Protein backbone atom coordinates (compact mmCIF):
# COMPACT_ATOMS: atom_id res chain seq x y z
CA ILE A 1 12.82 -20.30 -10.95
CA THR A 2 14.88 -20.16 -14.15
CA LEU A 3 18.52 -19.13 -13.81
CA SER A 4 19.94 -17.66 -17.00
CA LYS A 5 23.28 -16.51 -15.53
CA VAL A 6 25.21 -17.11 -12.31
CA VAL A 7 28.79 -15.87 -11.85
CA LEU A 8 30.54 -16.15 -8.47
CA PRO A 9 33.87 -14.58 -7.49
CA GLU A 10 36.90 -16.70 -6.70
CA ILE A 11 36.79 -17.71 -3.03
CA HIS A 12 39.76 -19.08 -1.09
CA LEU A 13 38.32 -21.34 1.58
CA SER A 14 41.47 -21.05 3.64
CA LYS A 15 41.20 -17.25 3.65
CA LEU A 16 37.51 -16.51 3.95
CA SER A 17 36.63 -12.84 3.97
CA LYS A 18 35.52 -11.43 7.31
CA ASP A 19 33.02 -9.28 5.42
CA PRO A 20 31.11 -11.47 2.91
CA ALA A 21 29.24 -8.38 1.67
CA ARG A 22 32.43 -7.30 -0.10
CA LEU A 23 32.00 -10.22 -2.47
CA LEU A 24 28.62 -8.95 -3.73
CA PRO A 25 30.01 -6.47 -6.31
CA LYS A 26 31.65 -9.46 -8.05
CA VAL A 27 28.50 -11.60 -8.12
CA LYS A 28 26.39 -11.72 -11.28
CA LEU A 29 22.93 -13.24 -11.32
CA SER A 30 20.02 -13.19 -13.72
CA ALA A 31 16.82 -15.16 -13.12
CA SER A 32 13.10 -15.21 -13.78
CA PHE A 33 10.46 -16.73 -11.53
CA SER A 34 6.74 -17.42 -11.51
CA ASP A 35 3.96 -18.91 -9.38
CA ILE A 36 5.89 -18.62 -6.10
CA THR A 37 3.91 -18.73 -2.87
CA VAL A 38 5.08 -17.57 0.57
CA GLN A 39 3.13 -18.48 3.70
CA SER A 40 4.19 -16.75 6.92
CA ARG A 41 3.33 -18.10 10.36
CA LEU A 42 3.04 -14.48 11.50
CA SER A 43 0.23 -13.69 9.06
CA LEU A 44 -3.02 -15.37 8.07
CA LEU A 45 -2.58 -14.06 4.54
CA LYS A 46 -0.27 -15.72 2.05
CA ILE A 47 1.57 -14.04 -0.79
CA GLY A 48 1.02 -16.06 -3.94
CA GLY A 49 1.36 -15.92 -7.71
CA ILE A 50 4.69 -14.10 -7.37
CA LYS A 51 6.39 -13.61 -10.72
CA GLY A 52 8.99 -11.32 -12.24
CA ARG A 53 12.69 -11.06 -13.01
CA VAL A 54 15.78 -10.25 -10.94
CA ASN A 55 19.24 -9.17 -12.01
CA LEU A 56 22.34 -8.64 -9.87
CA GLU A 57 25.46 -7.12 -11.36
CA ASN A 58 28.04 -4.48 -10.41
CA ASP A 59 26.57 -4.15 -6.90
CA VAL A 60 23.14 -3.28 -8.32
CA LEU A 61 20.07 -5.44 -7.70
CA SER A 62 17.02 -4.88 -9.88
CA ALA A 63 13.67 -6.66 -9.70
CA SER A 64 11.41 -5.87 -12.65
CA ASN A 65 7.77 -6.49 -13.53
CA LEU A 66 7.00 -8.00 -10.14
CA GLN A 67 3.42 -9.17 -9.69
CA ALA A 68 1.78 -10.94 -6.76
CA LYS A 69 -1.43 -11.55 -4.84
CA LEU A 70 -1.76 -10.81 -1.13
CA GLY A 71 -4.73 -12.72 0.20
CA PRO A 72 -7.76 -11.25 -1.63
CA LEU A 73 -5.66 -8.46 -3.22
CA SER A 74 -4.00 -8.54 -6.62
CA LEU A 75 -1.11 -6.06 -6.32
CA PRO A 76 0.02 -3.57 -9.00
CA THR A 77 3.11 -4.20 -11.12
CA MET A 78 6.23 -3.27 -9.13
CA ASN A 79 9.84 -2.44 -10.03
CA ILE A 80 12.63 -2.20 -7.47
CA ARG A 81 16.22 -1.04 -7.96
CA VAL A 82 18.81 -1.22 -5.17
CA THR A 83 22.26 0.30 -5.74
CA ASN A 84 25.36 -0.01 -3.56
CA ILE A 85 23.80 -3.03 -1.82
CA SER A 86 27.08 -4.12 -0.19
CA ASP A 87 27.50 -0.90 1.79
CA GLN A 88 24.75 1.72 2.28
CA PRO A 89 22.02 0.87 -0.21
CA LYS A 90 19.79 3.27 -2.08
CA VAL A 91 16.36 1.91 -2.94
CA ALA A 92 14.05 3.10 -5.72
CA PHE A 93 10.55 1.59 -5.67
CA ARG A 94 7.90 2.02 -8.36
CA ALA A 95 4.36 0.60 -8.49
CA LYS A 96 1.76 1.13 -11.19
CA GLY A 97 -1.50 -0.55 -12.08
CA PRO A 98 -4.67 -1.79 -10.37
CA MET A 99 -4.87 -3.21 -6.87
CA GLN A 100 -8.07 -5.19 -7.00
CA VAL A 101 -10.10 -6.63 -4.17
CA VAL A 102 -12.01 -9.68 -5.28
CA ALA A 103 -14.66 -11.75 -3.53
CA THR A 104 -13.23 -14.97 -2.15
CA SER A 105 -14.39 -17.99 -0.19
CA ASP A 106 -10.93 -18.56 1.32
CA ALA A 107 -11.56 -19.24 5.03
CA LYS A 108 -8.30 -17.53 6.08
CA VAL A 109 -9.16 -14.41 4.12
CA GLU A 110 -12.66 -14.33 5.63
CA LYS A 111 -11.08 -14.62 9.07
CA VAL A 112 -8.85 -11.59 8.41
CA LEU A 113 -11.81 -9.53 7.16
CA MET A 114 -13.91 -10.53 10.18
CA LYS A 115 -11.06 -9.51 12.48
CA HIS A 116 -11.30 -6.00 11.01
CA GLY A 117 -15.10 -5.94 11.25
CA LEU A 118 -15.82 -6.67 7.58
CA LYS A 119 -17.88 -9.39 5.97
CA SER A 120 -16.84 -8.57 2.40
CA LEU A 121 -14.69 -6.11 0.47
CA THR A 122 -14.68 -5.64 -3.32
CA GLY A 123 -13.60 -3.06 -5.89
CA SER A 124 -10.27 -1.73 -7.12
CA VAL A 125 -7.72 1.04 -6.61
CA GLU A 126 -5.55 2.28 -9.49
CA ILE A 127 -2.06 3.01 -8.14
CA ASP A 128 0.77 5.09 -9.58
CA MET A 129 3.48 5.72 -6.98
CA SER A 130 7.20 5.96 -6.38
CA ALA A 131 9.39 5.94 -3.27
CA ASP A 132 13.10 6.49 -2.76
CA TYR A 133 15.21 5.66 0.30
CA ASP A 134 18.89 6.27 1.00
CA GLN A 135 20.41 4.54 4.03
CA ARG A 136 22.92 7.37 4.33
CA ASP A 137 20.03 9.76 4.99
CA PRO A 138 17.17 7.54 6.25
CA LYS A 139 14.97 10.31 7.64
CA ASN A 140 14.64 12.09 4.31
CA TRP A 141 12.90 9.35 2.36
CA VAL A 142 10.76 10.59 -0.54
CA THR A 143 7.48 9.38 -1.99
CA ASN A 144 4.96 10.59 -4.55
CA GLY A 145 1.79 8.96 -5.79
CA LEU A 146 -1.83 8.85 -6.87
CA LEU A 147 -4.61 6.46 -5.80
CA VAL A 148 -7.81 6.34 -7.87
CA LEU A 149 -10.70 4.60 -6.08
CA LYS A 150 -13.05 2.71 -8.37
CA GLY A 151 -16.30 1.32 -7.04
CA VAL A 152 -15.06 0.01 -3.69
CA ARG A 153 -17.75 -1.75 -1.64
CA ALA A 154 -17.48 -2.89 1.98
CA GLU A 155 -19.99 -4.73 4.14
CA ALA A 156 -19.51 -4.57 7.91
CA HIS A 157 -19.83 -7.48 10.34
CA PRO A 158 -21.77 -8.21 12.48
CA ALA A 159 -23.74 -4.98 11.90
CA THR A 160 -25.67 -4.66 8.63
CA VAL A 161 -23.84 -1.64 7.25
CA VAL A 162 -22.84 -1.30 3.59
CA MET A 163 -20.57 1.30 2.04
CA ASP A 164 -20.77 1.25 -1.73
CA ASN A 165 -19.85 3.33 -4.79
CA LEU A 166 -16.63 4.65 -3.21
CA TYR A 167 -14.93 6.76 -5.90
CA GLY A 168 -12.35 9.55 -5.96
CA GLU A 169 -8.66 10.39 -6.04
CA ILE A 170 -6.02 10.67 -3.35
CA LYS A 171 -2.69 12.33 -4.14
CA PHE A 172 0.22 12.19 -1.71
CA ASN A 173 3.85 13.24 -1.58
CA ARG A 174 6.59 13.49 0.99
CA LYS A 175 9.90 15.25 0.78
CA LYS A 176 10.47 16.91 4.13
CA THR A 177 6.82 16.76 5.21
CA MET A 178 3.81 14.66 4.22
CA ASN A 179 1.08 16.22 2.06
CA ILE A 180 -2.24 14.61 1.08
CA THR A 181 -4.92 15.88 -1.31
CA ALA A 182 -8.34 14.20 -1.52
CA LYS A 183 -10.34 15.01 -4.66
CA ASP A 184 -14.02 14.24 -5.17
CA ILE A 185 -14.17 11.35 -2.70
CA SER A 186 -17.76 10.11 -2.66
CA ALA A 187 -19.63 7.10 -1.30
CA ARG A 188 -22.95 5.95 0.12
CA ILE A 189 -23.18 4.49 3.62
CA ASN A 190 -26.48 2.62 3.91
CA GLN A 191 -27.69 4.92 1.10
CA ALA A 192 -26.61 8.11 2.92
CA PRO A 193 -24.44 10.20 0.54
CA VAL A 194 -21.02 11.37 1.72
CA ARG A 195 -18.56 13.59 -0.18
CA LEU A 196 -15.10 14.92 0.71
CA SER A 197 -12.43 17.05 -0.97
CA GLY A 198 -9.50 18.74 0.70
CA ASP A 199 -5.82 19.37 1.32
CA PHE A 200 -3.73 18.31 4.30
CA PHE A 201 -0.27 19.90 4.01
CA GLY A 202 2.67 19.64 6.40
CA ILE A 203 1.11 16.75 8.34
CA GLY A 204 2.63 16.36 11.79
CA THR A 205 4.32 19.78 11.80
CA PRO A 206 3.42 23.07 13.55
CA GLU A 207 2.80 24.57 10.09
CA MET A 208 0.16 22.00 9.16
CA LEU A 209 -2.56 23.41 6.90
CA VAL A 210 -6.04 21.94 6.46
CA SER A 211 -8.55 22.98 3.81
CA VAL A 212 -11.55 20.66 3.52
CA LYS A 213 -15.02 20.57 2.02
CA ALA A 214 -17.31 17.86 3.42
CA TYR A 215 -20.93 16.93 2.81
CA ALA A 216 -23.27 14.31 4.28
CA LYS A 217 -27.03 13.81 4.27
CA GLN A 218 -28.83 11.75 6.93
CA LEU A 219 -25.65 9.91 7.85
CA ASP A 220 -26.09 7.60 10.84
CA LEU A 221 -22.89 8.01 12.90
CA ALA A 222 -23.31 4.54 14.39
CA HIS A 223 -23.11 3.11 10.85
CA LEU A 224 -19.95 5.13 10.15
CA ALA A 225 -18.34 3.76 13.33
CA GLU A 226 -19.06 0.18 12.24
CA LEU A 227 -16.99 0.75 9.10
CA LEU A 228 -14.12 2.46 10.94
CA PRO A 229 -12.93 0.31 13.87
CA ALA A 230 -11.00 3.26 15.35
CA LEU A 231 -14.33 5.02 16.02
CA ARG A 232 -16.14 2.13 17.69
CA ASP A 233 -14.87 2.86 21.19
CA LEU A 234 -16.34 6.38 20.93
CA LYS A 235 -19.88 4.93 20.86
CA LEU A 236 -21.00 7.44 18.22
CA GLY A 237 -24.72 7.89 17.62
CA GLY A 238 -27.19 10.25 15.96
CA ILE A 239 -27.90 11.51 12.46
CA LEU A 240 -25.52 13.93 10.75
CA ASP A 241 -26.33 16.49 8.05
CA MET A 242 -23.38 18.67 7.08
CA ASP A 243 -22.18 21.00 4.38
CA LEU A 244 -18.81 22.30 5.57
CA ASP A 245 -16.01 24.41 4.18
CA VAL A 246 -13.15 24.33 6.71
CA ASN A 247 -9.82 26.15 6.53
CA VAL A 248 -7.24 25.87 9.30
CA PRO A 249 -4.11 27.83 8.32
């Protein structure tokens, strides 16, 4: 960590403030950091290779060009700006760039993948997203973003099930309600082709709208369940052929 500027307000030790947060607007800090690693006892994954720059001045904290690795994931470049941090902060978060999954022999990473029923996971997701939060109005947080899937491959464990060539786009936004659009999502599950496009608007509200096109050819439902742990308890089985166009207004 390299400190380029540190300015602290005058503090009278005999008359310490009952609210230390009031001193923050008078603090100035500028620093850069690189190759920081954080290992939590609560998680098997460590956050490593953390680098970026922070600046604190006039009650505004900004962290720019943040980069890090989370276990087998290299995260996109992130920028965070927090205003009014001494009272009711407003947070603006931005992330852009690839999130890549790379093969690794790290025993802790393998243990995490096994816990989720996966032997390996590779590929990348291009991310471009923003999120804004205001503590004065916490329920009305806002987000907007795009995920572009590029050649994601997953191999299940202990079953021999492989999902490969996962491509497509997922757009999402939330203002008062959550909306998700899936565009040209395609993959092969043990060579069975699967395709999906659709809109999910007003998620979680009585006015929710669903418009989906889905296709599959000779898809073994047991194989699908092995890749999605939430489906395993359903004991799915059989072969699925579908060519659907569903609209639920």
